[in-house]
Amino acid sequence: MAKKASKTSGKAGPSSPNGTRVKIRDKAAEKAKDKAERKARKAAKRAARKAEKKLEKKLEKKAGKSAQPRKAANRKADTRRAVTTQTRAKKRSPQRFTVSHLNEADFDQGLRRYAQYRDLGLALATGGMVQAHVIRFIPPFRPEDVSTPHFHDVELQMIYVLKGWYKTEFEGEGVHTFHAGACWLQPPRIKHTVLGYSDDCELLEIVLPAEFETVTLAD
């Protein structure tokens, strides 16, 4: 009897009708619960994706609005540059080949009383775009005639020392002495004063445009 009772109690759960019904009900409840949880997770994911898409669209719309004025400004700037380039190209005449050989008779009085100039013919060859000349200074150096502060209203001015030495002071750049072989770029409208030159001083000067204004300043 004891063994039988023990055997029965060991299998009471599965064999008992009441126990079986309870387990079935529990499984159905768990199934329903899992289904509801899966459904809720799917709904949450859909809602999250929807919110993300909405936010992305909002950001894209905002970025598009802020980019439009810049694009328009860039287009305007590009148009201005294109027009300016075309205008400059139209104003410039075709360049032609030219040669200038040394001839002492070509040196004549020019911009300064204390110097003679030899025109190298670039102004005519470039339709006024650029001029180049050799400057030969007349000795002796006289500060009262030469050392007057001035500037040139140009686009570009480059000077190269062919012979001797040349001394000048630039506003904001100080005093410089240039010897044969030296070269410098003189920014447009920079104030400068000639402080001295050797008796044999000669310079090569290239200037854009060919015609420009020199403004003399008070000491």
C-alpha atoms as a PDB file:
ATOM      1  CA  MET A   1       0.000   0.000   0.000  1.00  0.00           C
ATOM      2  CA  ALA A   2       2.801   2.380   0.858  1.00  0.00           C
ATOM      3  CA  LYS A   3       4.527   1.773  -2.451  1.00  0.00           C
ATOM      4  CA  LYS A   4       1.227   2.248  -4.324  1.00  0.00           C
ATOM      5  CA  ALA A   5       0.460   5.481  -2.475  1.00  0.00           C
ATOM      6  CA  SER A   6       3.963   6.698  -3.160  1.00  0.00           C
ATOM      7  CA  LYS A   7       3.673   5.852  -6.857  1.00  0.00           C
ATOM      8  CA  THR A   8       0.340   7.644  -7.083  1.00  0.00           C
ATOM      9  CA  SER A   9       1.589  10.767  -5.314  1.00  0.00           C
ATOM     10  CA  GLY A  10       4.588  10.890  -7.600  1.00  0.00           C
ATOM     11  CA  LYS A  11       2.319  11.129 -10.657  1.00  0.00           C
ATOM     12  CA  ALA A  12      -0.543  13.017  -9.011  1.00  0.00           C
ATOM     13  CA  GLY A  13       0.058  16.232 -10.965  1.00  0.00           C
ATOM     14  CA  PRO A  14      -0.125  14.908 -14.516  1.00  0.00           C
ATOM     15  CA  SER A  15      -2.744  12.269 -13.851  1.00  0.00           C
ATOM     16  CA  SER A  16      -5.045  14.464 -11.809  1.00  0.00           C
ATOM     17  CA  PRO A  17      -7.867  15.974 -13.873  1.00  0.00           C
ATOM     18  CA  ASN A  18      -7.853  19.110 -11.720  1.00  0.00           C
ATOM     19  CA  GLY A  19      -4.078  19.531 -12.125  1.00  0.00           C
ATOM     20  CA  THR A  20      -4.246  19.110 -15.895  1.00  0.00           C
ATOM     21  CA  ARG A  21      -6.921  21.784 -16.304  1.00  0.00           C
ATOM     22  CA  VAL A  22      -4.912  24.288 -14.239  1.00  0.00           C
ATOM     23  CA  LYS A  23      -1.836  23.765 -16.384  1.00  0.00           C
ATOM     24  CA  ILE A  24      -3.825  24.241 -19.600  1.00  0.00           C
ATOM     25  CA  ARG A  25      -5.298  27.481 -18.285  1.00  0.00           C
ATOM     26  CA  ASP A  26      -1.820  28.726 -17.284  1.00  0.00           C
ATOM     27  CA  LYS A  27      -0.383  27.973 -20.723  1.00  0.00           C
ATOM     28  CA  ALA A  28      -3.222  29.772 -22.490  1.00  0.00           C
ATOM     29  CA  ALA A  29      -2.744  32.797 -20.253  1.00  0.00           C
ATOM     30  CA  GLU A  30       0.992  32.867 -20.911  1.00  0.00           C
ATOM     31  CA  LYS A  31       0.353  32.566 -24.632  1.00  0.00           C
ATOM     32  CA  ALA A  32      -2.073  35.462 -24.564  1.00  0.00           C
ATOM     33  CA  LYS A  33       0.331  37.503 -22.465  1.00  0.00           C
ATOM     34  CA  ASP A  34       3.237  36.837 -24.851  1.00  0.00           C
ATOM     35  CA  LYS A  35       1.076  37.746 -27.807  1.00  0.00           C
ATOM     36  CA  ALA A  36       0.025  40.999 -26.166  1.00  0.00           C
ATOM     37  CA  GLU A  37       3.634  41.852 -25.301  1.00  0.00           C
ATOM     38  CA  ARG A  38       4.807  41.143 -28.849  1.00  0.00           C
ATOM     39  CA  LYS A  39       2.000  43.280 -30.201  1.00  0.00           C
ATOM     40  CA  ALA A  40       2.925  46.101 -27.802  1.00  0.00           C
ATOM     41  CA  ARG A  41       6.618  45.878 -28.768  1.00  0.00           C
ATOM     42  CA  LYS A  42       5.738  46.008 -32.477  1.00  0.00           C
ATOM     43  CA  ALA A  43       3.471  48.984 -31.878  1.00  0.00           C
ATOM     44  CA  ALA A  44       6.228  50.738 -29.906  1.00  0.00           C
ATOM     45  CA  LYS A  45       8.735  50.107 -32.690  1.00  0.00           C
ATOM     46  CA  ARG A  46       6.317  51.443 -35.317  1.00  0.00           C
ATOM     47  CA  ALA A  47       5.692  54.524 -33.221  1.00  0.00           C
ATOM     48  CA  ALA A  48       9.446  55.063 -32.741  1.00  0.00           C
ATOM     49  CA  ARG A  49      10.125  54.697 -36.477  1.00  0.00           C
ATOM     50  CA  LYS A  50       7.291  57.078 -37.268  1.00  0.00           C
ATOM     51  CA  ALA A  51       8.661  59.637 -34.799  1.00  0.00           C
ATOM     52  CA  GLU A  52      12.173  59.271 -36.248  1.00  0.00           C
ATOM     53  CA  LYS A  53      10.925  59.790 -39.802  1.00  0.00           C
ATOM     54  CA  LYS A  54       8.928  62.816 -38.715  1.00  0.00           C
ATOM     55  CA  LEU A  55      11.989  64.302 -37.017  1.00  0.00           C
ATOM     56  CA  GLU A  56      14.190  63.576 -40.052  1.00  0.00           C
ATOM     57  CA  LYS A  57      11.727  65.312 -42.369  1.00  0.00           C
ATOM     58  CA  LYS A  58      11.582  68.297 -40.038  1.00  0.00           C
ATOM     59  CA  LEU A  59      15.371  68.566 -39.911  1.00  0.00           C
ATOM     60  CA  GLU A  60      15.681  68.178 -43.688  1.00  0.00           C
ATOM     61  CA  LYS A  61      13.095  70.888 -44.219  1.00  0.00           C
ATOM     62  CA  LYS A  62      14.897  73.197 -41.812  1.00  0.00           C
ATOM     63  CA  ALA A  63      18.286  72.496 -43.419  1.00  0.00           C
ATOM     64  CA  GLY A  64      16.810  73.129 -46.864  1.00  0.00           C
ATOM     65  CA  LYS A  65      15.475  76.524 -45.824  1.00  0.00           C
ATOM     66  CA  SER A  66      18.788  77.609 -44.332  1.00  0.00           C
ATOM     67  CA  ALA A  67      20.746  76.367 -47.365  1.00  0.00           C
ATOM     68  CA  GLN A  68      18.610  78.120 -49.962  1.00  0.00           C
ATOM     69  CA  PRO A  69      19.757  81.703 -49.206  1.00  0.00           C
ATOM     70  CA  ARG A  70      23.400  80.588 -49.207  1.00  0.00           C
ATOM     71  CA  LYS A  71      22.922  78.863 -52.565  1.00  0.00           C
ATOM     72  CA  ALA A  72      21.264  81.962 -53.936  1.00  0.00           C
ATOM     73  CA  ALA A  73      24.081  84.130 -52.573  1.00  0.00           C
ATOM     74  CA  ASN A  74      26.664  81.784 -54.062  1.00  0.00           C
ATOM     75  CA  ARG A  75      24.888  81.903 -57.421  1.00  0.00           C
ATOM     76  CA  LYS A  76      24.878  85.699 -57.289  1.00  0.00           C
ATOM     77  CA  ALA A  77      28.568  85.788 -56.350  1.00  0.00           C
ATOM     78  CA  ASP A  78      29.415  83.376 -59.161  1.00  0.00           C
ATOM     79  CA  THR A  79      27.409  85.502 -61.586  1.00  0.00           C
ATOM     80  CA  ARG A  80      29.203  88.666 -60.460  1.00  0.00           C
ATOM     81  CA  ARG A  81      32.592  86.966 -60.854  1.00  0.00           C
ATOM     82  CA  ALA A  82      31.653  85.688 -64.302  1.00  0.00           C
ATOM     83  CA  VAL A  83      30.427  89.127 -65.399  1.00  0.00           C
ATOM     84  CA  THR A  84      33.540  90.814 -64.010  1.00  0.00           C
ATOM     85  CA  THR A  85      35.824  88.315 -65.731  1.00  0.00           C
ATOM     86  CA  GLN A  86      33.966  88.710 -69.038  1.00  0.00           C
ATOM     87  CA  THR A  87      34.044  92.509 -68.728  1.00  0.00           C
ATOM     88  CA  ARG A  88      37.768  92.527 -68.059  1.00  0.00           C
ATOM     89  CA  ALA A  89      38.371  90.130 -70.928  1.00  0.00           C
ATOM     90  CA  LYS A  90      36.389  92.397 -73.258  1.00  0.00           C
ATOM     91  CA  LYS A  91      38.314  95.501 -72.147  1.00  0.00           C
ATOM     92  CA  ARG A  92      41.727  93.943 -72.763  1.00  0.00           C
ATOM     93  CA  SER A  93      43.058  94.236 -76.282  1.00  0.00           C
ATOM     94  CA  PRO A  94      44.901  91.364 -77.960  1.00  0.00           C
ATOM     95  CA  GLN A  95      48.619  91.368 -77.170  1.00  0.00           C
ATOM     96  CA  ARG A  96      51.182  91.466 -79.933  1.00  0.00           C
ATOM     97  CA  PHE A  97      54.810  90.447 -80.149  1.00  0.00           C
ATOM     98  CA  THR A  98      57.285  93.266 -79.526  1.00  0.00           C
ATOM     99  CA  VAL A  99      61.054  93.670 -79.069  1.00  0.00           C
ATOM    100  CA  SER A 100      63.027  96.555 -77.587  1.00  0.00           C
ATOM    101  CA  HIS A 101      66.809  96.712 -78.057  1.00  0.00           C
ATOM    102  CA  LEU A 102      69.068  99.089 -76.150  1.00  0.00           C
ATOM    103  CA  ASN A 103      69.342 102.512 -77.758  1.00  0.00           C
ATOM    104  CA  GLU A 104      70.677 105.431 -75.719  1.00  0.00           C
ATOM    105  CA  ALA A 105      68.477 107.803 -77.692  1.00  0.00           C
ATOM    106  CA  ASP A 106      65.402 106.100 -76.177  1.00  0.00           C
ATOM    107  CA  PHE A 107      66.117 107.525 -72.711  1.00  0.00           C
ATOM    108  CA  ASP A 108      64.152 110.725 -72.174  1.00  0.00           C
ATOM    109  CA  GLN A 109      62.643 112.831 -69.416  1.00  0.00           C
ATOM    110  CA  GLY A 110      59.655 111.183 -67.762  1.00  0.00           C
ATOM    111  CA  LEU A 111      57.669 111.319 -64.553  1.00  0.00           C
ATOM    112  CA  ARG A 112      60.568 112.598 -62.426  1.00  0.00           C
ATOM    113  CA  ARG A 113      62.998 115.423 -63.170  1.00  0.00           C
ATOM    114  CA  TYR A 114      65.831 113.473 -61.564  1.00  0.00           C
ATOM    115  CA  ALA A 115      65.467 110.400 -63.823  1.00  0.00           C
ATOM    116  CA  GLN A 116      65.363 109.385 -67.477  1.00  0.00           C
ATOM    117  CA  TYR A 117      63.050 106.686 -68.802  1.00  0.00           C
ATOM    118  CA  ARG A 118      63.400 104.138 -71.586  1.00  0.00           C
ATOM    119  CA  ASP A 119      60.010 102.801 -72.646  1.00  0.00           C
ATOM    120  CA  LEU A 120      60.138  99.079 -73.538  1.00  0.00           C
ATOM    121  CA  GLY A 121      57.012  99.193 -75.723  1.00  0.00           C
ATOM    122  CA  LEU A 122      54.729  96.994 -73.562  1.00  0.00           C
ATOM    123  CA  ALA A 123      51.990  99.612 -73.232  1.00  0.00           C
ATOM    124  CA  LEU A 124      51.413  99.679 -76.969  1.00  0.00           C
ATOM    125  CA  ALA A 125      51.819  95.903 -77.330  1.00  0.00           C
ATOM    126  CA  THR A 126      49.235  95.153 -74.613  1.00  0.00           C
ATOM    127  CA  GLY A 127      46.711  97.859 -75.443  1.00  0.00           C
ATOM    128  CA  GLY A 128      47.453  99.750 -72.235  1.00  0.00           C
ATOM    129  CA  MET A 129      47.263  96.759 -69.901  1.00  0.00           C
ATOM    130  CA  VAL A 130      50.865  97.058 -68.678  1.00  0.00           C
ATOM    131  CA  GLN A 131      53.894  99.265 -69.088  1.00  0.00           C
ATOM    132  CA  ALA A 132      57.578  98.525 -68.532  1.00  0.00           C
ATOM    133  CA  HIS A 133      60.517 100.879 -68.605  1.00  0.00           C
ATOM    134  CA  VAL A 134      64.124 101.247 -67.498  1.00  0.00           C
ATOM    135  CA  ILE A 135      64.691 104.142 -65.100  1.00  0.00           C
ATOM    136  CA  ARG A 136      68.147 105.750 -65.117  1.00  0.00           C
ATOM    137  CA  PHE A 137      68.650 108.155 -62.222  1.00  0.00           C
ATOM    138  CA  ILE A 138      70.499 111.431 -62.749  1.00  0.00           C
ATOM    139  CA  PRO A 139      73.279 112.144 -60.234  1.00  0.00           C
ATOM    140  CA  PRO A 140      73.817 113.559 -57.755  1.00  0.00           C
ATOM    141  CA  PHE A 141      71.026 112.645 -55.379  1.00  0.00           C
ATOM    142  CA  ARG A 142      69.331 115.795 -54.031  1.00  0.00           C
ATOM    143  CA  PRO A 143      66.898 115.176 -51.127  1.00  0.00           C
ATOM    144  CA  GLU A 144      65.131 118.504 -51.720  1.00  0.00           C
ATOM    145  CA  ASP A 145      64.172 117.353 -55.236  1.00  0.00           C
ATOM    146  CA  VAL A 146      63.744 113.635 -54.690  1.00  0.00           C
ATOM    147  CA  SER A 147      62.591 112.888 -51.129  1.00  0.00           C
ATOM    148  CA  THR A 148      58.925 113.828 -51.457  1.00  0.00           C
ATOM    149  CA  PRO A 149      56.411 111.305 -49.998  1.00  0.00           C
ATOM    150  CA  HIS A 150      54.045 109.968 -52.661  1.00  0.00           C
ATOM    151  CA  PHE A 151      52.102 106.918 -53.836  1.00  0.00           C
ATOM    152  CA  HIS A 152      51.019 105.435 -57.155  1.00  0.00           C
ATOM    153  CA  ASP A 153      47.410 104.480 -57.886  1.00  0.00           C
ATOM    154  CA  VAL A 154      48.178 101.183 -59.629  1.00  0.00           C
ATOM    155  CA  GLU A 155      47.066  97.556 -59.671  1.00  0.00           C
ATOM    156  CA  LEU A 156      50.587  96.119 -59.596  1.00  0.00           C
ATOM    157  CA  GLN A 157      54.109  97.565 -59.431  1.00  0.00           C
ATOM    158  CA  MET A 158      57.298  95.484 -59.532  1.00  0.00           C
ATOM    159  CA  ILE A 159      60.820  96.935 -59.501  1.00  0.00           C
ATOM    160  CA  TYR A 160      64.147  95.201 -60.237  1.00  0.00           C
ATOM    161  CA  VAL A 161      67.576  96.829 -59.670  1.00  0.00           C
ATOM    162  CA  LEU A 162      69.701  96.555 -62.811  1.00  0.00           C
ATOM    163  CA  LYS A 163      72.694  98.597 -61.634  1.00  0.00           C
ATOM    164  CA  GLY A 164      73.896 100.356 -58.480  1.00  0.00           C
ATOM    165  CA  TRP A 165      71.701 100.695 -55.391  1.00  0.00           C
ATOM    166  CA  TYR A 166      68.444 102.377 -54.444  1.00  0.00           C
ATOM    167  CA  LYS A 167      67.173 103.345 -50.974  1.00  0.00           C
ATOM    168  CA  THR A 168      63.559 104.076 -50.074  1.00  0.00           C
ATOM    169  CA  GLU A 169      61.181 104.055 -47.108  1.00  0.00           C
ATOM    170  CA  PHE A 170      57.739 102.403 -47.232  1.00  0.00           C
ATOM    171  CA  GLU A 171      54.899 103.227 -44.880  1.00  0.00           C
ATOM    172  CA  GLY A 172      54.522 100.327 -42.455  1.00  0.00           C
ATOM    173  CA  GLU A 173      57.524  98.475 -43.939  1.00  0.00           C
ATOM    174  CA  GLY A 174      60.451 100.692 -42.925  1.00  0.00           C
ATOM    175  CA  VAL A 175      63.615 101.674 -44.808  1.00  0.00           C
ATOM    176  CA  HIS A 176      65.099  99.315 -47.413  1.00  0.00           C
ATOM    177  CA  THR A 177      68.251  99.527 -49.520  1.00  0.00           C
ATOM    178  CA  PHE A 178      68.170  97.496 -52.734  1.00  0.00           C
ATOM    179  CA  HIS A 179      71.324  96.536 -54.627  1.00  0.00           C
ATOM    180  CA  ALA A 180      71.798  95.193 -58.159  1.00  0.00           C
ATOM    181  CA  GLY A 181      69.822  91.972 -58.544  1.00  0.00           C
ATOM    182  CA  ALA A 182      67.265  92.877 -55.847  1.00  0.00           C
ATOM    183  CA  CYS A 183      63.552  92.965 -56.618  1.00  0.00           C
ATOM    184  CA  TRP A 184      60.439  94.066 -54.763  1.00  0.00           C
ATOM    185  CA  LEU A 185      56.690  94.240 -55.193  1.00  0.00           C
ATOM    186  CA  GLN A 186      55.210  97.579 -54.228  1.00  0.00           C
ATOM    187  CA  PRO A 187      51.553  97.199 -53.127  1.00  0.00           C
ATOM    188  CA  PRO A 188      49.027  99.604 -54.695  1.00  0.00           C
ATOM    189  CA  ARG A 189      48.885 103.074 -53.109  1.00  0.00           C
ATOM    190  CA  ILE A 190      51.595 102.372 -50.527  1.00  0.00           C
ATOM    191  CA  LYS A 191      53.168 105.631 -49.338  1.00  0.00           C
ATOM    192  CA  HIS A 192      56.933 105.760 -49.960  1.00  0.00           C
ATOM    193  CA  THR A 193      59.845 108.206 -50.014  1.00  0.00           C
ATOM    194  CA  VAL A 194      63.101 107.931 -51.964  1.00  0.00           C
ATOM    195  CA  LEU A 195      66.043 108.368 -49.582  1.00  0.00           C
ATOM    196  CA  GLY A 196      68.980 107.863 -51.922  1.00  0.00           C
ATOM    197  CA  TYR A 197      70.489 106.187 -54.981  1.00  0.00           C
ATOM    198  CA  SER A 198      73.927 105.579 -56.448  1.00  0.00           C
ATOM    199  CA  ASP A 199      75.255 107.651 -59.345  1.00  0.00           C
ATOM    200  CA  ASP A 200      74.911 104.651 -61.679  1.00  0.00           C
ATOM    201  CA  CYS A 201      71.505 103.445 -60.435  1.00  0.00           C
ATOM    202  CA  GLU A 202      69.184 101.872 -63.015  1.00  0.00           C
ATOM    203  CA  LEU A 203      65.865 100.133 -62.313  1.00  0.00           C
ATOM    204  CA  LEU A 204      63.465  98.010 -64.342  1.00  0.00           C
ATOM    205  CA  GLU A 205      59.859  98.866 -63.458  1.00  0.00           C
ATOM    206  CA  ILE A 206      56.713  96.978 -64.533  1.00  0.00           C
ATOM    207  CA  VAL A 207      53.349  98.560 -63.769  1.00  0.00           C
ATOM    208  CA  LEU A 208      49.676  97.679 -64.306  1.00  0.00           C
ATOM    209  CA  PRO A 209      47.882  99.477 -65.878  1.00  0.00           C
ATOM    210  CA  ALA A 210      50.024 101.430 -68.322  1.00  0.00           C
ATOM    211  CA  GLU A 211      48.428 104.727 -67.344  1.00  0.00           C
ATOM    212  CA  PHE A 212      48.153 105.586 -63.641  1.00  0.00           C
ATOM    213  CA  GLU A 213      48.137 108.535 -61.277  1.00  0.00           C
ATOM    214  CA  THR A 214      50.957 109.524 -58.927  1.00  0.00           C
ATOM    215  CA  VAL A 215      49.815 111.424 -55.841  1.00  0.00           C
ATOM    216  CA  THR A 216      52.342 113.684 -54.078  1.00  0.00           C
ATOM    217  CA  LEU A 217      51.854 114.023 -50.329  1.00  0.00           C
ATOM    218  CA  ALA A 218      52.841 116.721 -47.843  1.00  0.00           C
ATOM    219  CA  ASP A 219      55.905 116.032 -45.715  1.00  0.00           C
END
